[in-house]
Amino acid sequence: AGGGEGGQARVNPTLERLCVVAMNVKAGGAGSAEPNLVVEIFKGLWPLIVRVVERHGADAKAAENTSRALKHAMRSAGLDFVPLADAVMDLLVRAFEATGRSPYLYCASICVTEFKDVKDQQLLNMLGAMAGPALSRLTTLSAFTSSPDVAEEYFYLLSRFVGHCPGLLFLSPPGLLSSSLRCAGVGMAVHHRCASKAVLSFLESVIDHGLSGGCGLPGLQAAVSESGDAVVGGALRALMGDTPLFHVDTKAKGSLAGVLHKLMRLCPALVGEWAARAAAQGGCSVGLGGMAREV
């Protein structure tokens, strides 16, 4: 894990071998008298893994390989990996704050699926820490265009929370969900297929949860009331923009039509107001309030 070109040259092949080990070793653990071998390997190597991330974590390939190795280890070991969960989440937060590399966000979403039943507060802390640098980076459409991977993985991370532990997201620190909705409004017109899908899937999943009457509704409703205008405005700007759009309408979750249709069902009066305001601010003479009522 040394620095310099020699150290860098050794890091990625080593991480790739570690990933293969994590994917293929199935020894011990739950239901066995023996400890989980994958967990024991990662416990023993943990100081080295931390050092690698600290020295080489900004390298795109090293970030990807580290995250892949951790992903396969967590999936392979399941709840046996819980003793390392806090250390993993802390490392991912520090790595993303220091480098802004999207694989750390992706690996964080794996933590959500694997530890959702045992690490509520730690997951919430991780999300809060990662949201700051992600949102500060994605402030304009050009920022989405230049960092589509960060946009994709951040909004898929949020979608994992909606799908697996919505109560955590909707009870998250004040402003996190509202700020993320406003950020999504900015990115609705991004000309990048995967980033666009992630943004729209997140929005639809939030609105679906509101329509289903699931847990955390007061927090969801407050965030939508505060930031729904940015979502409607973003959708209308995307529809009237000059660039071709992805996912205007699709049977799968994650489309402009789906977001507007479901938002109309969730808060019809507000959508009409937001659409009219967006049209007035954009200098558009089309009756968008009426259009919104017909979506």
C-alpha atoms as a PDB file:
ATOM      1  CA  ALA A   1       0.000   0.000   0.000  1.00  0.00           C
ATOM      2  CA  GLY A   2       2.995   2.239  -0.428  1.00  0.00           C
ATOM      3  CA  GLY A   3       2.777   5.545  -2.221  1.00  0.00           C
ATOM      4  CA  GLY A   4       4.224   6.381  -5.616  1.00  0.00           C
ATOM      5  CA  GLU A   5       3.790   4.678  -8.947  1.00  0.00           C
ATOM      6  CA  GLY A   6       5.120   1.347  -7.684  1.00  0.00           C
ATOM      7  CA  GLY A   7       2.619   1.235  -4.850  1.00  0.00           C
ATOM      8  CA  GLN A   8      -0.205   2.249  -7.162  1.00  0.00           C
ATOM      9  CA  ALA A   9       0.752  -0.466  -9.632  1.00  0.00           C
ATOM     10  CA  ARG A  10       0.459  -3.118  -6.908  1.00  0.00           C
ATOM     11  CA  VAL A  11      -2.741  -1.846  -5.348  1.00  0.00           C
ATOM     12  CA  ASN A  12      -5.314  -2.613  -8.030  1.00  0.00           C
ATOM     13  CA  PRO A  13      -4.215  -6.202  -8.810  1.00  0.00           C
ATOM     14  CA  THR A  14      -4.234  -6.908  -5.060  1.00  0.00           C
ATOM     15  CA  LEU A  15      -7.707  -5.425  -4.633  1.00  0.00           C
ATOM     16  CA  GLU A  16      -8.954  -7.440  -7.617  1.00  0.00           C
ATOM     17  CA  ARG A  17      -7.653 -10.654  -6.026  1.00  0.00           C
ATOM     18  CA  LEU A  18      -9.327  -9.710  -2.751  1.00  0.00           C
ATOM     19  CA  CYS A  19     -12.585  -9.207  -4.643  1.00  0.00           C
ATOM     20  CA  VAL A  20     -12.295 -12.722  -6.119  1.00  0.00           C
ATOM     21  CA  VAL A  21     -11.746 -14.121  -2.628  1.00  0.00           C
ATOM     22  CA  ALA A  22     -14.797 -12.296  -1.273  1.00  0.00           C
ATOM     23  CA  MET A  23     -16.938 -13.590  -4.131  1.00  0.00           C
ATOM     24  CA  ASN A  24     -15.915 -17.227  -3.856  1.00  0.00           C
ATOM     25  CA  VAL A  25     -15.037 -18.142  -0.262  1.00  0.00           C
ATOM     26  CA  LYS A  26     -18.085 -19.666   1.440  1.00  0.00           C
ATOM     27  CA  ALA A  27     -16.740 -21.017   4.704  1.00  0.00           C
ATOM     28  CA  GLY A  28     -18.138 -20.942   8.232  1.00  0.00           C
ATOM     29  CA  GLY A  29     -20.430 -18.320   9.635  1.00  0.00           C
ATOM     30  CA  ALA A  30     -24.150 -18.609  10.320  1.00  0.00           C
ATOM     31  CA  GLY A  31     -25.171 -22.167  11.170  1.00  0.00           C
ATOM     32  CA  SER A  32     -21.562 -23.289  11.470  1.00  0.00           C
ATOM     33  CA  ALA A  33     -19.277 -23.837  14.420  1.00  0.00           C
ATOM     34  CA  GLU A  34     -16.512 -22.110  12.483  1.00  0.00           C
ATOM     35  CA  PRO A  35     -16.175 -18.333  12.104  1.00  0.00           C
ATOM     36  CA  ASN A  36     -16.966 -16.826   8.729  1.00  0.00           C
ATOM     37  CA  LEU A  37     -13.742 -16.968   6.750  1.00  0.00           C
ATOM     38  CA  VAL A  38     -14.555 -13.869   4.659  1.00  0.00           C
ATOM     39  CA  VAL A  39     -15.110 -11.850   7.832  1.00  0.00           C
ATOM     40  CA  GLU A  40     -11.865 -13.121   9.348  1.00  0.00           C
ATOM     41  CA  ILE A  41      -9.937 -12.223   6.197  1.00  0.00           C
ATOM     42  CA  PHE A  42     -11.331  -8.684   6.125  1.00  0.00           C
ATOM     43  CA  LYS A  43     -10.766  -8.222   9.860  1.00  0.00           C
ATOM     44  CA  GLY A  44      -7.134  -9.166   9.406  1.00  0.00           C
ATOM     45  CA  LEU A  45      -6.688  -6.965   6.357  1.00  0.00           C
ATOM     46  CA  TRP A  46      -8.703  -3.998   7.604  1.00  0.00           C
ATOM     47  CA  PRO A  47      -5.763  -1.748   8.623  1.00  0.00           C
ATOM     48  CA  LEU A  48      -4.255  -2.367   5.178  1.00  0.00           C
ATOM     49  CA  ILE A  49      -7.560  -1.607   3.414  1.00  0.00           C
ATOM     50  CA  VAL A  50      -7.859   1.673   5.324  1.00  0.00           C
ATOM     51  CA  ARG A  51      -4.310   2.603   4.374  1.00  0.00           C
ATOM     52  CA  VAL A  52      -4.965   1.800   0.718  1.00  0.00           C
ATOM     53  CA  VAL A  53      -8.045   4.043   0.657  1.00  0.00           C
ATOM     54  CA  GLU A  54      -6.231   6.857   2.443  1.00  0.00           C
ATOM     55  CA  ARG A  55      -3.308   6.761  -0.007  1.00  0.00           C
ATOM     56  CA  HIS A  56      -4.951   5.694  -3.262  1.00  0.00           C
ATOM     57  CA  GLY A  57      -8.685   6.265  -2.754  1.00  0.00           C
ATOM     58  CA  ALA A  58      -8.822   9.131  -5.250  1.00  0.00           C
ATOM     59  CA  ASP A  59      -7.720   6.815  -8.051  1.00  0.00           C
ATOM     60  CA  ALA A  60     -10.842   5.814 -10.002  1.00  0.00           C
ATOM     61  CA  LYS A  61      -9.805   2.185 -10.412  1.00  0.00           C
ATOM     62  CA  ALA A  62      -8.762   1.807  -6.786  1.00  0.00           C
ATOM     63  CA  ALA A  63     -12.063   3.313  -5.617  1.00  0.00           C
ATOM     64  CA  GLU A  64     -13.997   0.902  -7.818  1.00  0.00           C
ATOM     65  CA  ASN A  65     -11.976  -2.145  -6.777  1.00  0.00           C
ATOM     66  CA  THR A  66     -12.167  -1.323  -3.071  1.00  0.00           C
ATOM     67  CA  SER A  67     -15.926  -0.848  -3.263  1.00  0.00           C
ATOM     68  CA  ARG A  68     -16.403  -4.067  -5.242  1.00  0.00           C
ATOM     69  CA  ALA A  69     -14.379  -6.067  -2.733  1.00  0.00           C
ATOM     70  CA  LEU A  70     -16.388  -4.639   0.177  1.00  0.00           C
ATOM     71  CA  LYS A  71     -19.666  -5.203  -1.663  1.00  0.00           C
ATOM     72  CA  HIS A  72     -18.953  -8.874  -2.296  1.00  0.00           C
ATOM     73  CA  ALA A  73     -17.673  -9.372   1.242  1.00  0.00           C
ATOM     74  CA  MET A  74     -20.833  -7.881   2.764  1.00  0.00           C
ATOM     75  CA  ARG A  75     -23.102  -9.883   0.478  1.00  0.00           C
ATOM     76  CA  SER A  76     -21.184 -13.088   1.044  1.00  0.00           C
ATOM     77  CA  ALA A  77     -20.975 -12.793   4.818  1.00  0.00           C
ATOM     78  CA  GLY A  78     -24.397 -11.248   5.424  1.00  0.00           C
ATOM     79  CA  LEU A  79     -25.039 -10.425   9.080  1.00  0.00           C
ATOM     80  CA  ASP A  80     -21.748 -12.053  10.059  1.00  0.00           C
ATOM     81  CA  PHE A  81     -20.182  -8.864   8.667  1.00  0.00           C
ATOM     82  CA  VAL A  82     -21.965  -6.654  11.227  1.00  0.00           C
ATOM     83  CA  PRO A  83     -18.896  -6.365  13.524  1.00  0.00           C
ATOM     84  CA  LEU A  84     -17.158  -4.527  10.668  1.00  0.00           C
ATOM     85  CA  ALA A  85     -20.190  -2.484   9.594  1.00  0.00           C
ATOM     86  CA  ASP A  86     -19.372   0.685  11.541  1.00  0.00           C
ATOM     87  CA  ALA A  87     -15.792   0.689  10.285  1.00  0.00           C
ATOM     88  CA  VAL A  88     -16.928   0.181   6.683  1.00  0.00           C
ATOM     89  CA  MET A  89     -19.457   3.017   6.809  1.00  0.00           C
ATOM     90  CA  ASP A  90     -16.942   5.355   8.448  1.00  0.00           C
ATOM     91  CA  LEU A  91     -14.369   4.538   5.754  1.00  0.00           C
ATOM     92  CA  LEU A  92     -16.866   5.116   2.934  1.00  0.00           C
ATOM     93  CA  VAL A  93     -17.880   8.483   4.349  1.00  0.00           C
ATOM     94  CA  ARG A  94     -14.294   9.649   4.768  1.00  0.00           C
ATOM     95  CA  ALA A  95     -13.336   8.385   1.314  1.00  0.00           C
ATOM     96  CA  PHE A  96     -16.247  10.134  -0.404  1.00  0.00           C
ATOM     97  CA  GLU A  97     -15.666  13.370   1.487  1.00  0.00           C
ATOM     98  CA  ALA A  98     -11.991  13.307   0.507  1.00  0.00           C
ATOM     99  CA  THR A  99     -12.270  12.207  -3.128  1.00  0.00           C
ATOM    100  CA  GLY A 100     -15.862  12.619  -4.368  1.00  0.00           C
ATOM    101  CA  ARG A 101     -15.590   9.226  -6.114  1.00  0.00           C
ATOM    102  CA  SER A 102     -18.975   7.659  -6.870  1.00  0.00           C
ATOM    103  CA  PRO A 103     -18.089   3.998  -6.058  1.00  0.00           C
ATOM    104  CA  TYR A 104     -18.133   4.909  -2.372  1.00  0.00           C
ATOM    105  CA  LEU A 105     -21.761   6.021  -2.740  1.00  0.00           C
ATOM    106  CA  TYR A 106     -22.574   2.752  -4.492  1.00  0.00           C
ATOM    107  CA  CYS A 107     -20.958   0.742  -1.706  1.00  0.00           C
ATOM    108  CA  ALA A 108     -22.938   2.790   0.834  1.00  0.00           C
ATOM    109  CA  SER A 109     -26.146   1.626  -0.869  1.00  0.00           C
ATOM    110  CA  ILE A 110     -25.032  -1.977  -0.286  1.00  0.00           C
ATOM    111  CA  CYS A 111     -24.687  -1.155   3.406  1.00  0.00           C
ATOM    112  CA  VAL A 112     -28.351  -0.114   3.376  1.00  0.00           C
ATOM    113  CA  THR A 113     -29.537  -3.465   2.038  1.00  0.00           C
ATOM    114  CA  GLU A 114     -27.252  -5.527   4.282  1.00  0.00           C
ATOM    115  CA  PHE A 115     -27.511  -3.661   7.601  1.00  0.00           C
ATOM    116  CA  LYS A 116     -30.948  -2.038   7.470  1.00  0.00           C
ATOM    117  CA  ASP A 117     -32.287  -4.135  10.356  1.00  0.00           C
ATOM    118  CA  VAL A 118     -29.363  -3.716  12.735  1.00  0.00           C
ATOM    119  CA  LYS A 119     -27.660  -0.358  12.090  1.00  0.00           C
ATOM    120  CA  ASP A 120     -30.408   2.260  11.799  1.00  0.00           C
ATOM    121  CA  GLN A 121     -28.630   5.200  13.399  1.00  0.00           C
ATOM    122  CA  GLN A 122     -25.309   4.438  11.726  1.00  0.00           C
ATOM    123  CA  LEU A 123     -26.953   4.300   8.293  1.00  0.00           C
ATOM    124  CA  LEU A 124     -28.679   7.607   8.939  1.00  0.00           C
ATOM    125  CA  ASN A 125     -25.393   9.166  10.036  1.00  0.00           C
ATOM    126  CA  MET A 126     -23.711   7.839   6.898  1.00  0.00           C
ATOM    127  CA  LEU A 127     -26.403   9.300   4.653  1.00  0.00           C
ATOM    128  CA  GLY A 128     -26.260  12.672   6.375  1.00  0.00           C
ATOM    129  CA  ALA A 129     -22.478  12.820   6.009  1.00  0.00           C
ATOM    130  CA  MET A 130     -22.509  11.843   2.335  1.00  0.00           C
ATOM    131  CA  ALA A 131     -25.419  14.075   1.368  1.00  0.00           C
ATOM    132  CA  GLY A 132     -23.508  17.278   2.099  1.00  0.00           C
ATOM    133  CA  PRO A 133     -20.681  16.811  -0.417  1.00  0.00           C
ATOM    134  CA  ALA A 134     -23.018  15.254  -3.004  1.00  0.00           C
ATOM    135  CA  LEU A 135     -25.571  18.067  -2.863  1.00  0.00           C
ATOM    136  CA  SER A 136     -22.918  20.770  -2.834  1.00  0.00           C
ATOM    137  CA  ARG A 137     -21.490  19.267  -6.010  1.00  0.00           C
ATOM    138  CA  LEU A 138     -24.794  18.894  -7.880  1.00  0.00           C
ATOM    139  CA  THR A 139     -26.049  22.480  -7.846  1.00  0.00           C
ATOM    140  CA  THR A 140     -26.547  23.109 -11.576  1.00  0.00           C
ATOM    141  CA  LEU A 141     -27.481  21.163 -14.676  1.00  0.00           C
ATOM    142  CA  SER A 142     -23.922  21.530 -15.941  1.00  0.00           C
ATOM    143  CA  ALA A 143     -22.705  19.986 -12.674  1.00  0.00           C
ATOM    144  CA  PHE A 144     -24.990  17.001 -13.278  1.00  0.00           C
ATOM    145  CA  THR A 145     -23.598  16.742 -16.800  1.00  0.00           C
ATOM    146  CA  SER A 146     -19.989  16.796 -15.612  1.00  0.00           C
ATOM    147  CA  SER A 147     -20.581  14.367 -12.698  1.00  0.00           C
ATOM    148  CA  PRO A 148     -23.312  11.991 -13.898  1.00  0.00           C
ATOM    149  CA  ASP A 149     -21.855   9.068 -11.950  1.00  0.00           C
ATOM    150  CA  VAL A 150     -22.132  10.961  -8.649  1.00  0.00           C
ATOM    151  CA  ALA A 151     -25.725  11.952  -9.485  1.00  0.00           C
ATOM    152  CA  GLU A 152     -26.608   8.378 -10.415  1.00  0.00           C
ATOM    153  CA  GLU A 153     -25.166   6.782  -7.300  1.00  0.00           C
ATOM    154  CA  TYR A 154     -26.433   9.449  -4.883  1.00  0.00           C
ATOM    155  CA  PHE A 155     -30.021   9.161  -6.051  1.00  0.00           C
ATOM    156  CA  TYR A 156     -29.874   5.378  -6.166  1.00  0.00           C
ATOM    157  CA  LEU A 157     -28.565   5.497  -2.580  1.00  0.00           C
ATOM    158  CA  LEU A 158     -31.619   7.553  -1.627  1.00  0.00           C
ATOM    159  CA  SER A 159     -33.861   5.089  -3.479  1.00  0.00           C
ATOM    160  CA  ARG A 160     -32.355   2.247  -1.445  1.00  0.00           C
ATOM    161  CA  PHE A 161     -33.424   4.070   1.702  1.00  0.00           C
ATOM    162  CA  VAL A 162     -36.945   4.543   0.334  1.00  0.00           C
ATOM    163  CA  GLY A 163     -37.176   0.874  -0.622  1.00  0.00           C
ATOM    164  CA  HIS A 164     -35.574  -0.719   2.442  1.00  0.00           C
ATOM    165  CA  CYS A 165     -35.882   1.683   5.390  1.00  0.00           C
ATOM    166  CA  PRO A 166     -38.089   4.643   4.416  1.00  0.00           C
ATOM    167  CA  GLY A 167     -38.643   5.677   7.996  1.00  0.00           C
ATOM    168  CA  LEU A 168     -34.969   6.584   8.255  1.00  0.00           C
ATOM    169  CA  LEU A 169     -35.037   8.836   5.192  1.00  0.00           C
ATOM    170  CA  PHE A 170     -38.294  10.561   6.029  1.00  0.00           C
ATOM    171  CA  LEU A 171     -37.175  11.103   9.618  1.00  0.00           C
ATOM    172  CA  SER A 172     -33.702  12.191   8.535  1.00  0.00           C
ATOM    173  CA  PRO A 173     -32.025  15.427   9.664  1.00  0.00           C
ATOM    174  CA  PRO A 174     -34.126  18.492   8.772  1.00  0.00           C
ATOM    175  CA  GLY A 175     -33.615  19.621   5.227  1.00  0.00           C
ATOM    176  CA  LEU A 176     -31.940  16.485   3.847  1.00  0.00           C
ATOM    177  CA  LEU A 177     -34.970  15.143   1.969  1.00  0.00           C
ATOM    178  CA  SER A 178     -36.137  18.612   0.932  1.00  0.00           C
ATOM    179  CA  SER A 179     -32.680  19.535  -0.354  1.00  0.00           C
ATOM    180  CA  SER A 180     -32.456  16.248  -2.235  1.00  0.00           C
ATOM    181  CA  LEU A 181     -35.821  16.884  -3.887  1.00  0.00           C
ATOM    182  CA  ARG A 182     -34.665  20.333  -4.989  1.00  0.00           C
ATOM    183  CA  CYS A 183     -31.443  18.837  -6.299  1.00  0.00           C
ATOM    184  CA  ALA A 184     -33.456  16.241  -8.225  1.00  0.00           C
ATOM    185  CA  GLY A 185     -35.487  19.058  -9.786  1.00  0.00           C
ATOM    186  CA  VAL A 186     -32.266  20.556 -11.125  1.00  0.00           C
ATOM    187  CA  GLY A 187     -31.166  17.233 -12.586  1.00  0.00           C
ATOM    188  CA  MET A 188     -34.389  16.167 -14.291  1.00  0.00           C
ATOM    189  CA  ALA A 189     -33.175  17.490 -17.643  1.00  0.00           C
ATOM    190  CA  VAL A 190     -29.696  15.956 -17.478  1.00  0.00           C
ATOM    191  CA  HIS A 191     -28.727  14.470 -20.830  1.00  0.00           C
ATOM    192  CA  HIS A 192     -27.366  11.218 -19.428  1.00  0.00           C
ATOM    193  CA  ARG A 193     -29.440   8.055 -19.533  1.00  0.00           C
ATOM    194  CA  CYS A 194     -28.323   6.478 -16.252  1.00  0.00           C
ATOM    195  CA  ALA A 195     -28.227   9.679 -14.196  1.00  0.00           C
ATOM    196  CA  SER A 196     -31.655  10.672 -15.503  1.00  0.00           C
ATOM    197  CA  LYS A 197     -33.073   7.261 -14.599  1.00  0.00           C
ATOM    198  CA  ALA A 198     -31.680   7.476 -11.073  1.00  0.00           C
ATOM    199  CA  VAL A 199     -33.161  10.946 -10.481  1.00  0.00           C
ATOM    200  CA  LEU A 200     -36.595  10.025 -11.830  1.00  0.00           C
ATOM    201  CA  SER A 201     -36.683   6.661 -10.032  1.00  0.00           C
ATOM    202  CA  PHE A 202     -35.928   8.389  -6.735  1.00  0.00           C
ATOM    203  CA  LEU A 203     -38.695  10.952  -7.275  1.00  0.00           C
ATOM    204  CA  GLU A 204     -41.236   8.327  -8.250  1.00  0.00           C
ATOM    205  CA  SER A 205     -40.343   6.110  -5.299  1.00  0.00           C
ATOM    206  CA  VAL A 206     -40.808   9.010  -2.862  1.00  0.00           C
ATOM    207  CA  ILE A 207     -44.186   9.920  -4.357  1.00  0.00           C
ATOM    208  CA  ASP A 208     -45.267   6.248  -4.428  1.00  0.00           C
ATOM    209  CA  HIS A 209     -44.484   6.001  -0.734  1.00  0.00           C
ATOM    210  CA  GLY A 210     -46.614   9.046  -0.047  1.00  0.00           C
ATOM    211  CA  LEU A 211     -49.506   7.602  -2.046  1.00  0.00           C
ATOM    212  CA  SER A 212     -49.265   4.271  -0.228  1.00  0.00           C
ATOM    213  CA  GLY A 213     -49.579   5.895   3.184  1.00  0.00           C
ATOM    214  CA  GLY A 214     -46.354   4.347   4.439  1.00  0.00           C
ATOM    215  CA  CYS A 215     -44.327   5.295   7.502  1.00  0.00           C
ATOM    216  CA  GLY A 216     -42.813   8.730   7.933  1.00  0.00           C
ATOM    217  CA  LEU A 217     -45.590  10.548   6.069  1.00  0.00           C
ATOM    218  CA  PRO A 218     -45.362  13.857   7.988  1.00  0.00           C
ATOM    219  CA  GLY A 219     -41.697  14.245   7.036  1.00  0.00           C
ATOM    220  CA  LEU A 220     -42.375  13.280   3.433  1.00  0.00           C
ATOM    221  CA  GLN A 221     -45.330  15.641   3.099  1.00  0.00           C
ATOM    222  CA  ALA A 222     -43.382  18.533   4.623  1.00  0.00           C
ATOM    223  CA  ALA A 223     -40.468  17.979   2.211  1.00  0.00           C
ATOM    224  CA  VAL A 224     -42.749  17.726  -0.827  1.00  0.00           C
ATOM    225  CA  SER A 225     -44.650  20.867   0.183  1.00  0.00           C
ATOM    226  CA  GLU A 226     -41.375  22.734   0.599  1.00  0.00           C
ATOM    227  CA  SER A 227     -39.591  21.507  -2.533  1.00  0.00           C
ATOM    228  CA  GLY A 228     -42.240  20.170  -4.890  1.00  0.00           C
ATOM    229  CA  ASP A 229     -42.136  23.410  -6.864  1.00  0.00           C
ATOM    230  CA  ALA A 230     -38.542  22.622  -7.855  1.00  0.00           C
ATOM    231  CA  VAL A 231     -39.612  19.173  -9.083  1.00  0.00           C
ATOM    232  CA  VAL A 232     -42.509  20.503 -11.173  1.00  0.00           C
ATOM    233  CA  GLY A 233     -40.391  23.357 -12.510  1.00  0.00           C
ATOM    234  CA  GLY A 234     -37.604  20.924 -13.361  1.00  0.00           C
ATOM    235  CA  ALA A 235     -39.996  18.629 -15.193  1.00  0.00           C
ATOM    236  CA  LEU A 236     -41.438  21.465 -17.270  1.00  0.00           C
ATOM    237  CA  ARG A 237     -38.001  22.854 -18.102  1.00  0.00           C
ATOM    238  CA  ALA A 238     -36.939  19.384 -19.197  1.00  0.00           C
ATOM    239  CA  LEU A 239     -40.002  18.971 -21.420  1.00  0.00           C
ATOM    240  CA  MET A 240     -39.482  22.377 -23.039  1.00  0.00           C
ATOM    241  CA  GLY A 241     -35.701  22.135 -23.341  1.00  0.00           C
ATOM    242  CA  ASP A 242     -33.589  21.888 -26.461  1.00  0.00           C
ATOM    243  CA  THR A 243     -31.926  18.536 -25.775  1.00  0.00           C
ATOM    244  CA  PRO A 244     -33.486  15.090 -26.332  1.00  0.00           C
ATOM    245  CA  LEU A 245     -34.896  13.523 -23.183  1.00  0.00           C
ATOM    246  CA  PHE A 246     -34.572  10.035 -21.790  1.00  0.00           C
ATOM    247  CA  HIS A 247     -37.385   8.313 -19.897  1.00  0.00           C
ATOM    248  CA  VAL A 248     -40.223  10.660 -20.836  1.00  0.00           C
ATOM    249  CA  ASP A 249     -42.659   7.788 -20.485  1.00  0.00           C
ATOM    250  CA  THR A 250     -41.968   4.168 -19.631  1.00  0.00           C
ATOM    251  CA  LYS A 251     -43.773   1.242 -18.048  1.00  0.00           C
ATOM    252  CA  ALA A 252     -40.903   0.823 -15.590  1.00  0.00           C
ATOM    253  CA  LYS A 253     -40.527   3.182 -12.643  1.00  0.00           C
ATOM    254  CA  GLY A 254     -38.612   6.335 -13.425  1.00  0.00           C
ATOM    255  CA  SER A 255     -40.159   8.642 -16.027  1.00  0.00           C
ATOM    256  CA  LEU A 256     -41.148  12.297 -16.329  1.00  0.00           C
ATOM    257  CA  ALA A 257     -44.738  11.318 -17.044  1.00  0.00           C
ATOM    258  CA  GLY A 258     -44.802   9.026 -14.013  1.00  0.00           C
ATOM    259  CA  VAL A 259     -43.448  11.707 -11.694  1.00  0.00           C
ATOM    260  CA  LEU A 260     -45.945  14.351 -12.826  1.00  0.00           C
ATOM    261  CA  HIS A 261     -48.915  11.962 -12.874  1.00  0.00           C
ATOM    262  CA  LYS A 262     -48.254  10.638  -9.379  1.00  0.00           C
ATOM    263  CA  LEU A 263     -47.432  14.060  -7.971  1.00  0.00           C
ATOM    264  CA  MET A 264     -50.796  15.244  -9.271  1.00  0.00           C
ATOM    265  CA  ARG A 265     -52.455  12.438  -7.317  1.00  0.00           C
ATOM    266  CA  LEU A 266     -50.488  13.265  -4.168  1.00  0.00           C
ATOM    267  CA  CYS A 267     -51.075  17.042  -4.099  1.00  0.00           C
ATOM    268  CA  PRO A 268     -53.167  18.201  -7.102  1.00  0.00           C
ATOM    269  CA  ALA A 269     -53.826  21.765  -5.961  1.00  0.00           C
ATOM    270  CA  LEU A 270     -50.176  22.454  -5.261  1.00  0.00           C
ATOM    271  CA  VAL A 271     -49.026  21.032  -8.596  1.00  0.00           C
ATOM    272  CA  GLY A 272     -51.298  23.449 -10.449  1.00  0.00           C
ATOM    273  CA  GLU A 273     -49.859  26.385  -8.496  1.00  0.00           C
ATOM    274  CA  TRP A 274     -46.279  25.228  -9.010  1.00  0.00           C
ATOM    275  CA  ALA A 275     -46.785  24.714 -12.738  1.00  0.00           C
ATOM    276  CA  ALA A 276     -48.310  28.164 -13.186  1.00  0.00           C
ATOM    277  CA  ARG A 277     -45.465  29.744 -11.218  1.00  0.00           C
ATOM    278  CA  ALA A 278     -42.844  27.882 -13.256  1.00  0.00           C
ATOM    279  CA  ALA A 279     -44.514  28.966 -16.488  1.00  0.00           C
ATOM    280  CA  ALA A 280     -44.616  32.603 -15.374  1.00  0.00           C
ATOM    281  CA  GLN A 281     -40.974  32.569 -14.312  1.00  0.00           C
ATOM    282  CA  GLY A 282     -39.983  30.965 -17.595  1.00  0.00           C
ATOM    283  CA  GLY A 283     -41.923  33.455 -19.681  1.00  0.00           C
ATOM    284  CA  CYS A 284     -44.014  30.709 -21.251  1.00  0.00           C
ATOM    285  CA  SER A 285     -47.431  31.640 -22.605  1.00  0.00           C
ATOM    286  CA  VAL A 286     -48.767  28.069 -22.547  1.00  0.00           C
ATOM    287  CA  GLY A 287     -51.369  27.366 -19.864  1.00  0.00           C
ATOM    288  CA  LEU A 288     -49.188  24.959 -17.883  1.00  0.00           C
ATOM    289  CA  GLY A 289     -51.487  24.952 -14.900  1.00  0.00           C
ATOM    290  CA  GLY A 290     -54.140  23.456 -17.136  1.00  0.00           C
ATOM    291  CA  MET A 291     -51.622  21.036 -18.589  1.00  0.00           C
ATOM    292  CA  ALA A 292     -50.703  19.891 -15.119  1.00  0.00           C
ATOM    293  CA  ARG A 293     -54.334  19.109 -14.352  1.00  0.00           C
ATOM    294  CA  GLU A 294     -54.506  16.921 -17.445  1.00  0.00           C
ATOM    295  CA  VAL A 295     -51.337  14.889 -16.758  1.00  0.00           C
END
